[in-house]
Amino acid sequence: MTDYDHDVMLWREAAVERVRSLRSSFFADCGVETISLDAISGRVLANDVQAPSDIPPHDRATMDGFAFDAADDYPLTILEGEVFPEDEPPALGSGKAIRIATGAPLPRRANVVLKREESNVEEGHLHGPSISPGTYVYERGSNVAAGETLFEAGERLSPKDAILLGDLGYESVSVHQRLSVGVAATGTEIHEGRLTDLDSSMLMGLIRSWGHEVTYEGTAPDEYERIDGLVDEMARKHDVVVTTGGTSVGHKDHVIRALNALGEVLFHRVRLRPGKPIAFARLPDHNAIAIAIPGKPVGAHTVATLITRPFFTGEATLPTIQATLTRDVGLGSADFEYAIPVALNGKEAMPLGHADSALAVYREAFNPSVLSSSTRATRADGIVLTTTALNAGETIDVVPYLAIE
């Protein structure tokens, strides 16, 4: 059991750094398996991948045409035959040229390719414009140099990575085994069926999209012993325990107290609204990690994608697109970063929740507390992260939901 300070709140960037550090140490202890390239999507690489040789191994033509030395003057004598990608190219003497196909290796001494449509052939001699060395040539090692590290251990792979891995000669790679994740909801009103659990399906979908296996482990009422027992049981079965609800400091919010009793709470609460009362904990007796997500659904999604996603994926960057804000948005306390949902219409962004939008929650100042429970806010296209008020007409950076889910 470790004491923690409720008064300490981390800024989002600091919380993400702690989460990524935790991820690195946790994945280092995970099992490893070998998988084929068609199965790498979403998997976490276990080892660095280095290039065994130069790619391409030879200078290659990128156009159909004629290969020769750019230092030679026209007319050039055209040799018999043509070089194709599967061929070993012949020697090429001074003043000579040879027909070559796209992808074929250049003969020694050749350093340019003249496109066929720019060439002029007369009685076995080549004429054409002056061109610089390297024109239409895919130079040896220009793509990858032998010994170069192309992928690092801990990197999350995507389908496009199969292209480069295949070009490096790999048919399979070593990856960490998928994490086993258990998800449970807390709250008497949910446990007794008086309110619908809106968070668990969303969180399970996110975790699957981030490349891991997830199981729904039910609910628990707002009773300390029941919550403590559920978390303990889940931690014995799974690598990661994810709970929703009960993360604040009210007298019925028992999740953080249970995590503190079972292990070490690494941080509790971030300076982010909505989504502030998130917690990460290490449960060393179970060799597990626990993540406590606040119960309000929009806040749960916001903090999951911004803080929890880096643990599961290792990715902390937030791709953005620019848009013009259509309404003023004031803020409350300056001690927080705000995640403001916006709906995009072309290059314009309407703050969804503003009284002039399809969801009337606030008029002047952004209201994260109410918006956090407003399920219609999920119809937004993305969020704007800001610590200062926004003005209509200014250009903003929108983080699209599709980029972080």
Protein backbone atom coordinates (compact mmCIF):
# COMPACT_ATOMS: atom_id res chain seq x y z
CA MET A 1 0.00 0.00 0.00
CA THR A 2 1.33 3.44 -0.96
CA ASP A 3 0.04 6.85 0.02
CA TYR A 4 -0.84 9.29 -2.76
CA ASP A 5 -1.61 12.97 -2.81
CA HIS A 6 -5.08 13.98 -4.01
CA ASP A 7 -3.90 17.57 -4.35
CA VAL A 8 -1.31 16.76 -7.03
CA MET A 9 -2.69 16.98 -10.56
CA LEU A 10 -0.53 16.39 -13.61
CA TRP A 11 -0.77 18.25 -16.87
CA ARG A 12 -1.65 15.97 -19.76
CA GLU A 13 1.86 15.90 -21.22
CA ALA A 14 3.37 14.88 -17.86
CA ALA A 15 0.75 12.18 -17.37
CA VAL A 16 1.42 10.79 -20.85
CA GLU A 17 5.16 10.64 -20.15
CA ARG A 18 4.50 8.62 -16.99
CA VAL A 19 2.15 6.33 -18.90
CA ARG A 20 4.71 5.71 -21.66
CA SER A 21 7.45 5.03 -19.12
CA LEU A 22 5.16 2.55 -17.39
CA ARG A 23 4.40 0.97 -20.75
CA SER A 24 8.08 0.48 -21.56
CA SER A 25 8.82 -1.32 -18.31
CA PHE A 26 5.62 -3.36 -18.44
CA PHE A 27 6.04 -4.57 -22.02
CA ALA A 28 9.63 -5.55 -21.28
CA ASP A 29 8.23 -8.35 -19.10
CA CYS A 30 5.59 -9.52 -21.58
CA GLY A 31 5.94 -12.74 -23.55
CA VAL A 32 7.15 -12.76 -27.15
CA GLU A 33 5.85 -14.61 -30.19
CA THR A 34 6.75 -14.75 -33.87
CA ILE A 35 4.10 -13.79 -36.41
CA SER A 36 3.91 -13.48 -40.19
CA LEU A 37 3.78 -10.08 -41.85
CA ASP A 38 0.09 -10.36 -42.69
CA ALA A 39 -0.70 -10.41 -38.95
CA ILE A 40 1.40 -7.46 -37.71
CA SER A 41 -1.33 -4.80 -37.59
CA GLY A 42 -1.50 -3.32 -34.10
CA ARG A 43 1.24 -5.56 -32.70
CA VAL A 44 4.15 -4.28 -30.62
CA LEU A 45 7.62 -5.09 -31.92
CA ALA A 46 9.82 -6.96 -29.45
CA ASN A 47 13.22 -6.25 -31.05
CA ASP A 48 14.90 -3.64 -33.19
CA VAL A 49 14.86 -4.40 -36.92
CA GLN A 50 17.97 -3.52 -38.90
CA ALA A 51 18.63 -3.63 -42.62
CA PRO A 52 20.80 -6.64 -43.52
CA SER A 53 21.94 -5.00 -46.78
CA ASP A 54 21.57 -1.94 -48.97
CA ILE A 55 18.20 -1.43 -50.63
CA PRO A 56 18.16 -1.35 -53.54
CA PRO A 57 21.26 -3.56 -53.84
CA HIS A 58 22.02 -2.03 -57.25
CA ASP A 59 21.25 1.20 -59.05
CA ARG A 60 17.94 0.61 -60.83
CA ALA A 61 16.03 2.31 -63.62
CA THR A 62 12.80 4.09 -62.73
CA MET A 63 11.74 4.54 -66.36
CA ASP A 64 11.80 2.54 -69.59
CA GLY A 65 14.53 3.98 -71.75
CA PHE A 66 18.28 3.89 -72.33
CA ALA A 67 21.04 3.59 -69.72
CA PHE A 68 24.43 5.22 -70.22
CA ASP A 69 27.07 7.47 -68.62
CA ALA A 70 25.91 11.10 -68.52
CA ALA A 71 29.50 12.20 -69.21
CA ASP A 72 29.42 10.62 -72.68
CA ASP A 73 28.45 12.76 -75.66
CA TYR A 74 25.76 11.95 -78.20
CA PRO A 75 25.47 10.08 -80.45
CA LEU A 76 25.86 6.90 -78.41
CA THR A 77 26.11 3.44 -79.92
CA ILE A 78 23.17 1.27 -78.79
CA LEU A 79 24.14 -2.25 -77.74
CA GLU A 80 22.02 -5.23 -78.73
CA GLY A 81 19.36 -6.46 -76.34
CA GLU A 82 17.57 -4.95 -73.34
CA VAL A 83 18.12 -5.17 -69.58
CA PHE A 84 15.12 -6.42 -67.54
CA PRO A 85 14.66 -6.49 -63.75
CA GLU A 86 15.68 -10.15 -63.50
CA ASP A 87 18.84 -9.73 -65.59
CA GLU A 88 22.51 -9.38 -64.72
CA PRO A 89 23.43 -6.27 -66.75
CA PRO A 90 26.27 -6.46 -69.28
CA ALA A 91 29.36 -4.29 -69.15
CA LEU A 92 28.93 -0.88 -70.71
CA GLY A 93 31.87 0.77 -72.47
CA SER A 94 32.52 4.41 -73.18
CA GLY A 95 30.14 5.93 -75.71
CA LYS A 96 27.68 3.05 -75.39
CA ALA A 97 24.03 2.87 -74.33
CA ILE A 98 21.61 0.01 -73.80
CA ARG A 99 17.87 -0.33 -73.66
CA ILE A 100 16.58 -0.81 -70.10
CA ALA A 101 13.21 -1.56 -68.48
CA THR A 102 11.76 0.00 -65.35
CA GLY A 103 13.18 -1.72 -62.27
CA ALA A 104 16.17 -3.23 -64.09
CA PRO A 105 19.68 -2.91 -62.61
CA LEU A 106 21.93 -0.41 -64.35
CA PRO A 107 25.15 -1.67 -65.97
CA ARG A 108 28.38 -0.62 -64.30
CA ARG A 109 29.44 2.84 -65.44
CA ALA A 110 25.86 3.83 -66.37
CA ASN A 111 24.44 6.58 -64.16
CA VAL A 112 21.40 7.93 -66.04
CA VAL A 113 18.33 6.70 -67.87
CA LEU A 114 16.97 8.64 -70.82
CA LYS A 115 13.22 8.14 -71.12
CA ARG A 116 12.21 6.29 -74.26
CA GLU A 117 9.82 9.06 -75.31
CA GLU A 118 12.63 11.65 -75.08
CA SER A 119 15.08 9.59 -77.13
CA ASN A 120 15.85 9.73 -80.83
CA VAL A 121 17.31 6.59 -82.41
CA GLU A 122 18.89 6.80 -85.84
CA GLU A 123 20.69 3.87 -87.44
CA GLY A 124 21.60 2.27 -84.13
CA HIS A 125 22.72 5.49 -82.47
CA LEU A 126 21.06 7.38 -79.62
CA HIS A 127 20.45 11.10 -79.60
CA GLY A 128 18.71 13.09 -76.92
CA PRO A 129 18.77 16.03 -74.49
CA SER A 130 21.51 16.63 -71.96
CA ILE A 131 20.63 15.05 -68.60
CA SER A 132 22.28 15.05 -65.20
CA PRO A 133 23.75 12.00 -63.44
CA GLY A 134 21.11 10.20 -61.36
CA THR A 135 18.20 11.09 -63.67
CA TYR A 136 15.57 8.32 -63.44
CA VAL A 137 17.89 6.21 -61.31
CA TYR A 138 16.93 4.57 -58.01
CA GLU A 139 20.41 4.64 -56.50
CA ARG A 140 21.92 1.79 -54.50
CA GLY A 141 21.31 2.24 -50.76
CA SER A 142 19.22 5.38 -51.30
CA ASN A 143 16.20 3.67 -49.75
CA VAL A 144 17.93 1.78 -46.93
CA ALA A 145 21.57 1.51 -45.93
CA ALA A 146 22.97 -1.77 -44.60
CA GLY A 147 22.95 -1.81 -40.78
CA GLU A 148 20.42 1.01 -40.49
CA THR A 149 17.79 0.59 -37.74
CA LEU A 150 14.39 0.91 -39.38
CA PHE A 151 12.10 -0.19 -36.54
CA GLU A 152 12.65 0.03 -32.81
CA ALA A 153 11.56 -2.36 -30.07
CA GLY A 154 8.28 -1.19 -28.56
CA GLU A 155 7.01 0.26 -31.82
CA ARG A 156 3.41 -0.50 -32.77
CA LEU A 157 3.23 -1.89 -36.29
CA SER A 158 0.66 -1.15 -38.98
CA PRO A 159 -0.22 -2.96 -42.23
CA LYS A 160 1.95 -0.60 -44.30
CA ASP A 161 5.01 -1.74 -42.31
CA ALA A 162 4.77 -5.11 -44.05
CA ILE A 163 6.00 -3.37 -47.23
CA LEU A 164 9.36 -2.29 -45.80
CA LEU A 165 9.79 -5.40 -43.67
CA GLY A 166 9.22 -7.55 -46.74
CA ASP A 167 11.70 -5.48 -48.73
CA LEU A 168 14.24 -6.07 -45.96
CA GLY A 169 13.76 -9.79 -46.49
CA TYR A 170 11.70 -10.53 -43.39
CA GLU A 171 8.86 -13.04 -43.62
CA SER A 172 8.05 -12.82 -39.89
CA VAL A 173 8.90 -10.67 -36.86
CA SER A 174 8.98 -11.07 -33.08
CA VAL A 175 6.25 -9.18 -31.23
CA HIS A 176 5.03 -8.95 -27.67
CA GLN A 177 1.98 -11.03 -26.91
CA ARG A 178 -1.27 -9.10 -26.85
CA LEU A 179 -2.25 -7.76 -23.45
CA SER A 180 -5.20 -9.39 -21.72
CA VAL A 181 -7.48 -6.61 -20.50
CA GLY A 182 -10.49 -6.85 -18.21
CA VAL A 183 -13.12 -4.08 -18.17
CA ALA A 184 -15.67 -3.55 -15.39
CA ALA A 185 -18.11 -0.80 -14.45
CA THR A 186 -18.71 0.42 -10.92
CA GLY A 187 -21.73 2.20 -9.48
CA THR A 188 -24.79 0.93 -7.64
CA GLU A 189 -27.12 2.48 -10.21
CA ILE A 190 -25.39 0.54 -12.99
CA HIS A 191 -25.00 -2.66 -10.98
CA GLU A 192 -28.74 -2.68 -10.20
CA GLY A 193 -29.69 -1.86 -13.80
CA ARG A 194 -31.23 1.53 -13.08
CA LEU A 195 -28.77 3.22 -15.43
CA THR A 196 -27.18 1.84 -18.58
CA ASP A 197 -23.45 1.17 -18.60
CA LEU A 198 -22.42 3.49 -21.45
CA ASP A 199 -18.68 3.24 -20.98
CA SER A 200 -17.70 -0.42 -21.12
CA SER A 201 -18.59 -1.14 -24.76
CA MET A 202 -16.85 2.04 -25.86
CA LEU A 203 -13.69 1.24 -23.89
CA MET A 204 -13.62 -2.36 -25.07
CA GLY A 205 -13.89 -1.20 -28.67
CA LEU A 206 -11.01 1.23 -28.19
CA ILE A 207 -8.80 -1.41 -26.58
CA ARG A 208 -9.47 -3.86 -29.41
CA SER A 209 -8.69 -1.18 -31.99
CA TRP A 210 -5.42 -0.59 -30.14
CA GLY A 211 -4.44 -4.22 -30.70
CA HIS A 212 -5.25 -6.07 -27.47
CA GLU A 213 -7.66 -8.69 -26.14
CA VAL A 214 -10.42 -7.51 -23.86
CA THR A 215 -13.08 -9.18 -21.71
CA TYR A 216 -16.08 -7.67 -19.95
CA GLU A 217 -15.95 -8.59 -16.27
CA GLY A 218 -19.26 -7.18 -15.07
CA THR A 219 -20.16 -4.56 -12.49
CA ALA A 220 -19.81 -3.77 -8.81
CA PRO A 221 -21.96 -1.57 -6.54
CA ASP A 222 -20.55 1.38 -4.62
CA GLU A 223 -19.27 -0.81 -1.79
CA TYR A 224 -15.58 -0.87 -0.96
CA GLU A 225 -15.32 -4.62 -0.31
CA ARG A 226 -17.11 -5.48 -3.56
CA ILE A 227 -14.95 -3.14 -5.63
CA ASP A 228 -11.75 -4.27 -3.94
CA GLY A 229 -12.69 -7.91 -4.52
CA LEU A 230 -13.57 -7.35 -8.19
CA VAL A 231 -10.34 -5.51 -8.94
CA ASP A 232 -8.32 -8.18 -7.12
CA GLU A 233 -10.05 -10.97 -9.05
CA MET A 234 -9.59 -9.19 -12.40
CA ALA A 235 -5.91 -8.54 -11.72
CA ARG A 236 -5.35 -12.25 -11.16
CA LYS A 237 -6.82 -12.99 -14.62
CA HIS A 238 -5.60 -10.09 -16.73
CA ASP A 239 -2.53 -8.02 -17.48
CA VAL A 240 -4.53 -4.81 -17.30
CA VAL A 241 -7.61 -3.92 -15.27
CA VAL A 242 -9.80 -1.08 -16.54
CA THR A 243 -12.64 0.22 -14.37
CA THR A 244 -15.15 2.99 -14.95
CA GLY A 245 -16.77 5.20 -12.33
CA GLY A 246 -15.90 5.82 -8.71
CA THR A 247 -12.71 7.75 -9.45
CA SER A 248 -13.52 11.03 -7.72
CA VAL A 249 -13.20 11.77 -4.00
CA GLY A 250 -16.80 11.39 -2.83
CA HIS A 251 -17.73 9.07 0.02
CA LYS A 252 -18.97 6.44 -2.45
CA ASP A 253 -15.92 6.68 -4.75
CA HIS A 254 -14.03 3.59 -3.62
CA VAL A 255 -11.98 2.65 -6.69
CA ILE A 256 -8.90 4.75 -5.90
CA ARG A 257 -8.87 3.56 -2.30
CA ALA A 258 -9.04 -0.06 -3.51
CA LEU A 259 -6.19 0.48 -5.97
CA ASN A 260 -4.10 2.09 -3.25
CA ALA A 261 -4.70 -0.90 -0.97
CA LEU A 262 -3.83 -3.41 -3.70
CA GLY A 263 -0.77 -1.62 -5.07
CA GLU A 264 0.67 1.77 -5.93
CA VAL A 265 -1.34 4.63 -7.39
CA LEU A 266 1.05 6.33 -9.80
CA PHE A 267 -1.13 9.36 -10.35
CA HIS A 268 -4.73 10.36 -9.77
CA ARG A 269 -6.29 13.24 -11.70
CA VAL A 270 -4.95 15.25 -14.61
CA ARG A 271 -5.50 18.90 -15.49
CA LEU A 272 -7.87 17.99 -18.30
CA ARG A 273 -11.58 18.71 -18.60
CA PRO A 274 -13.61 16.70 -19.21
CA GLY A 275 -11.89 13.58 -17.91
CA LYS A 276 -9.97 14.89 -14.91
CA PRO A 277 -10.29 12.04 -12.36
CA ILE A 278 -8.30 9.30 -14.13
CA ALA A 279 -5.84 7.11 -12.23
CA PHE A 280 -3.07 4.68 -13.16
CA ALA A 281 -1.84 2.13 -10.65
CA ARG A 282 0.72 -0.64 -10.52
CA LEU A 283 -0.42 -3.87 -8.82
CA PRO A 284 2.92 -5.62 -8.22
CA ASP A 285 1.51 -8.65 -6.35
CA HIS A 286 -0.49 -9.48 -9.49
CA ASN A 287 2.03 -8.20 -12.05
CA ALA A 288 -0.80 -6.10 -13.46
CA ILE A 289 -1.66 -2.51 -14.29
CA ALA A 290 -4.92 -0.85 -13.29
CA ILE A 291 -6.51 2.10 -15.06
CA ALA A 292 -9.45 3.85 -13.42
CA ILE A 293 -11.55 5.85 -15.87
CA PRO A 294 -14.19 8.39 -14.76
CA GLY A 295 -17.78 7.34 -15.32
CA LYS A 296 -19.24 10.19 -17.38
CA PRO A 297 -19.19 8.79 -20.93
CA VAL A 298 -17.81 11.73 -22.93
CA GLY A 299 -15.22 12.43 -20.26
CA ALA A 300 -14.36 8.73 -20.22
CA HIS A 301 -13.79 8.71 -23.97
CA THR A 302 -11.77 11.92 -23.87
CA VAL A 303 -9.38 10.82 -21.17
CA ALA A 304 -9.12 7.29 -22.58
CA THR A 305 -8.03 8.49 -26.00
CA LEU A 306 -5.70 11.19 -24.68
CA ILE A 307 -4.11 9.47 -21.65
CA THR A 308 -4.82 5.72 -21.88
CA ARG A 309 -4.14 5.31 -25.60
CA PRO A 310 -0.38 5.94 -25.22
CA PHE A 311 -0.16 3.00 -22.79
CA PHE A 312 -1.76 0.55 -25.22
CA THR A 313 -0.20 1.90 -28.43
CA GLY A 314 2.92 3.82 -27.43
CA GLU A 315 1.69 6.68 -29.60
CA ALA A 316 1.48 10.10 -27.98
CA THR A 317 1.35 12.34 -31.04
CA LEU A 318 -1.96 14.00 -31.81
CA PRO A 319 -2.48 14.58 -35.56
CA THR A 320 -4.47 17.73 -36.29
CA ILE A 321 -6.31 19.43 -39.12
CA GLN A 322 -6.90 23.16 -39.30
CA ALA A 323 -10.33 24.74 -39.31
CA THR A 324 -11.94 28.10 -38.62
CA LEU A 325 -13.92 28.35 -35.38
CA THR A 326 -17.44 29.69 -35.87
CA ARG A 327 -18.26 30.75 -32.27
CA ASP A 328 -16.48 32.26 -29.29
CA VAL A 329 -15.73 29.76 -26.53
CA GLY A 330 -14.84 31.06 -23.08
CA LEU A 331 -13.19 28.92 -20.41
CA GLY A 332 -13.42 28.48 -16.67
CA SER A 333 -10.38 28.00 -14.47
CA ALA A 334 -7.02 28.71 -16.11
CA ASP A 335 -5.51 25.74 -14.28
CA PHE A 336 -6.82 23.21 -16.80
CA GLU A 337 -6.50 22.15 -20.40
CA TYR A 338 -9.90 21.83 -22.07
CA ALA A 339 -10.95 19.31 -24.71
CA ILE A 340 -13.70 21.05 -26.68
CA PRO A 341 -15.72 18.87 -29.10
CA VAL A 342 -16.31 20.42 -32.52
CA ALA A 343 -18.39 19.45 -35.54
CA LEU A 344 -16.74 20.10 -38.89
CA ASN A 345 -18.47 21.50 -41.94
CA GLY A 346 -15.83 21.80 -44.60
CA LYS A 347 -13.17 24.10 -43.14
CA GLU A 348 -15.47 25.46 -40.43
CA ALA A 349 -15.67 24.11 -36.87
CA MET A 350 -18.78 24.56 -34.74
CA PRO A 351 -18.20 23.86 -31.02
CA LEU A 352 -20.73 21.08 -30.38
CA GLY A 353 -22.36 22.04 -27.09
CA HIS A 354 -22.56 25.73 -27.87
CA ALA A 355 -26.13 27.07 -27.79
CA ASP A 356 -25.98 27.71 -31.53
CA SER A 357 -25.02 24.09 -32.27
CA ALA A 358 -27.20 20.97 -32.41
CA LEU A 359 -26.47 20.45 -28.69
CA ALA A 360 -27.20 23.47 -26.48
CA VAL A 361 -25.12 23.09 -23.31
CA TYR A 362 -23.40 26.47 -22.94
CA ARG A 363 -23.44 29.89 -24.59
CA GLU A 364 -20.39 31.80 -23.43
CA ALA A 365 -18.17 29.57 -21.31
CA PHE A 366 -17.44 25.92 -22.11
CA ASN A 367 -19.20 23.65 -19.60
CA PRO A 368 -17.19 20.41 -19.34
CA SER A 369 -19.18 19.04 -16.41
CA VAL A 370 -22.51 18.90 -18.25
CA LEU A 371 -20.94 18.13 -21.61
CA SER A 372 -19.13 15.13 -20.11
CA SER A 373 -22.51 13.42 -19.67
CA SER A 374 -24.10 14.65 -22.92
CA THR A 375 -23.94 11.58 -25.11
CA ARG A 376 -24.87 13.58 -28.22
CA ALA A 377 -21.45 15.23 -27.95
CA THR A 378 -20.05 12.00 -29.39
CA ARG A 379 -21.39 13.18 -32.76
CA ALA A 380 -18.51 15.65 -32.88
CA ASP A 381 -15.75 15.07 -35.43
CA GLY A 382 -12.91 15.85 -33.08
CA ILE A 383 -11.64 18.00 -30.25
CA VAL A 384 -9.71 21.21 -29.79
CA LEU A 385 -7.22 21.23 -26.92
CA THR A 386 -6.68 24.64 -25.37
CA THR A 387 -5.77 26.41 -22.13
CA THR A 388 -7.02 29.78 -23.36
CA ALA A 389 -10.36 31.09 -24.57
CA LEU A 390 -11.09 30.78 -28.29
CA ASN A 391 -12.49 33.43 -30.60
CA ALA A 392 -14.80 33.05 -33.57
CA GLY A 393 -12.88 33.39 -36.83
CA GLU A 394 -9.55 32.13 -35.52
CA THR A 395 -7.78 29.15 -37.01
CA ILE A 396 -7.75 26.16 -34.67
CA ASP A 397 -6.09 22.75 -34.67
CA VAL A 398 -8.66 19.97 -34.50
CA VAL A 399 -7.65 16.50 -33.33
CA PRO A 400 -9.90 14.17 -35.37
CA TYR A 401 -11.44 11.33 -33.39
CA LEU A 402 -10.50 8.93 -36.19
CA ALA A 403 -6.82 9.68 -35.55
CA ILE A 404 -6.87 8.71 -31.88
CA GLU A 405 -9.45 5.93 -31.67
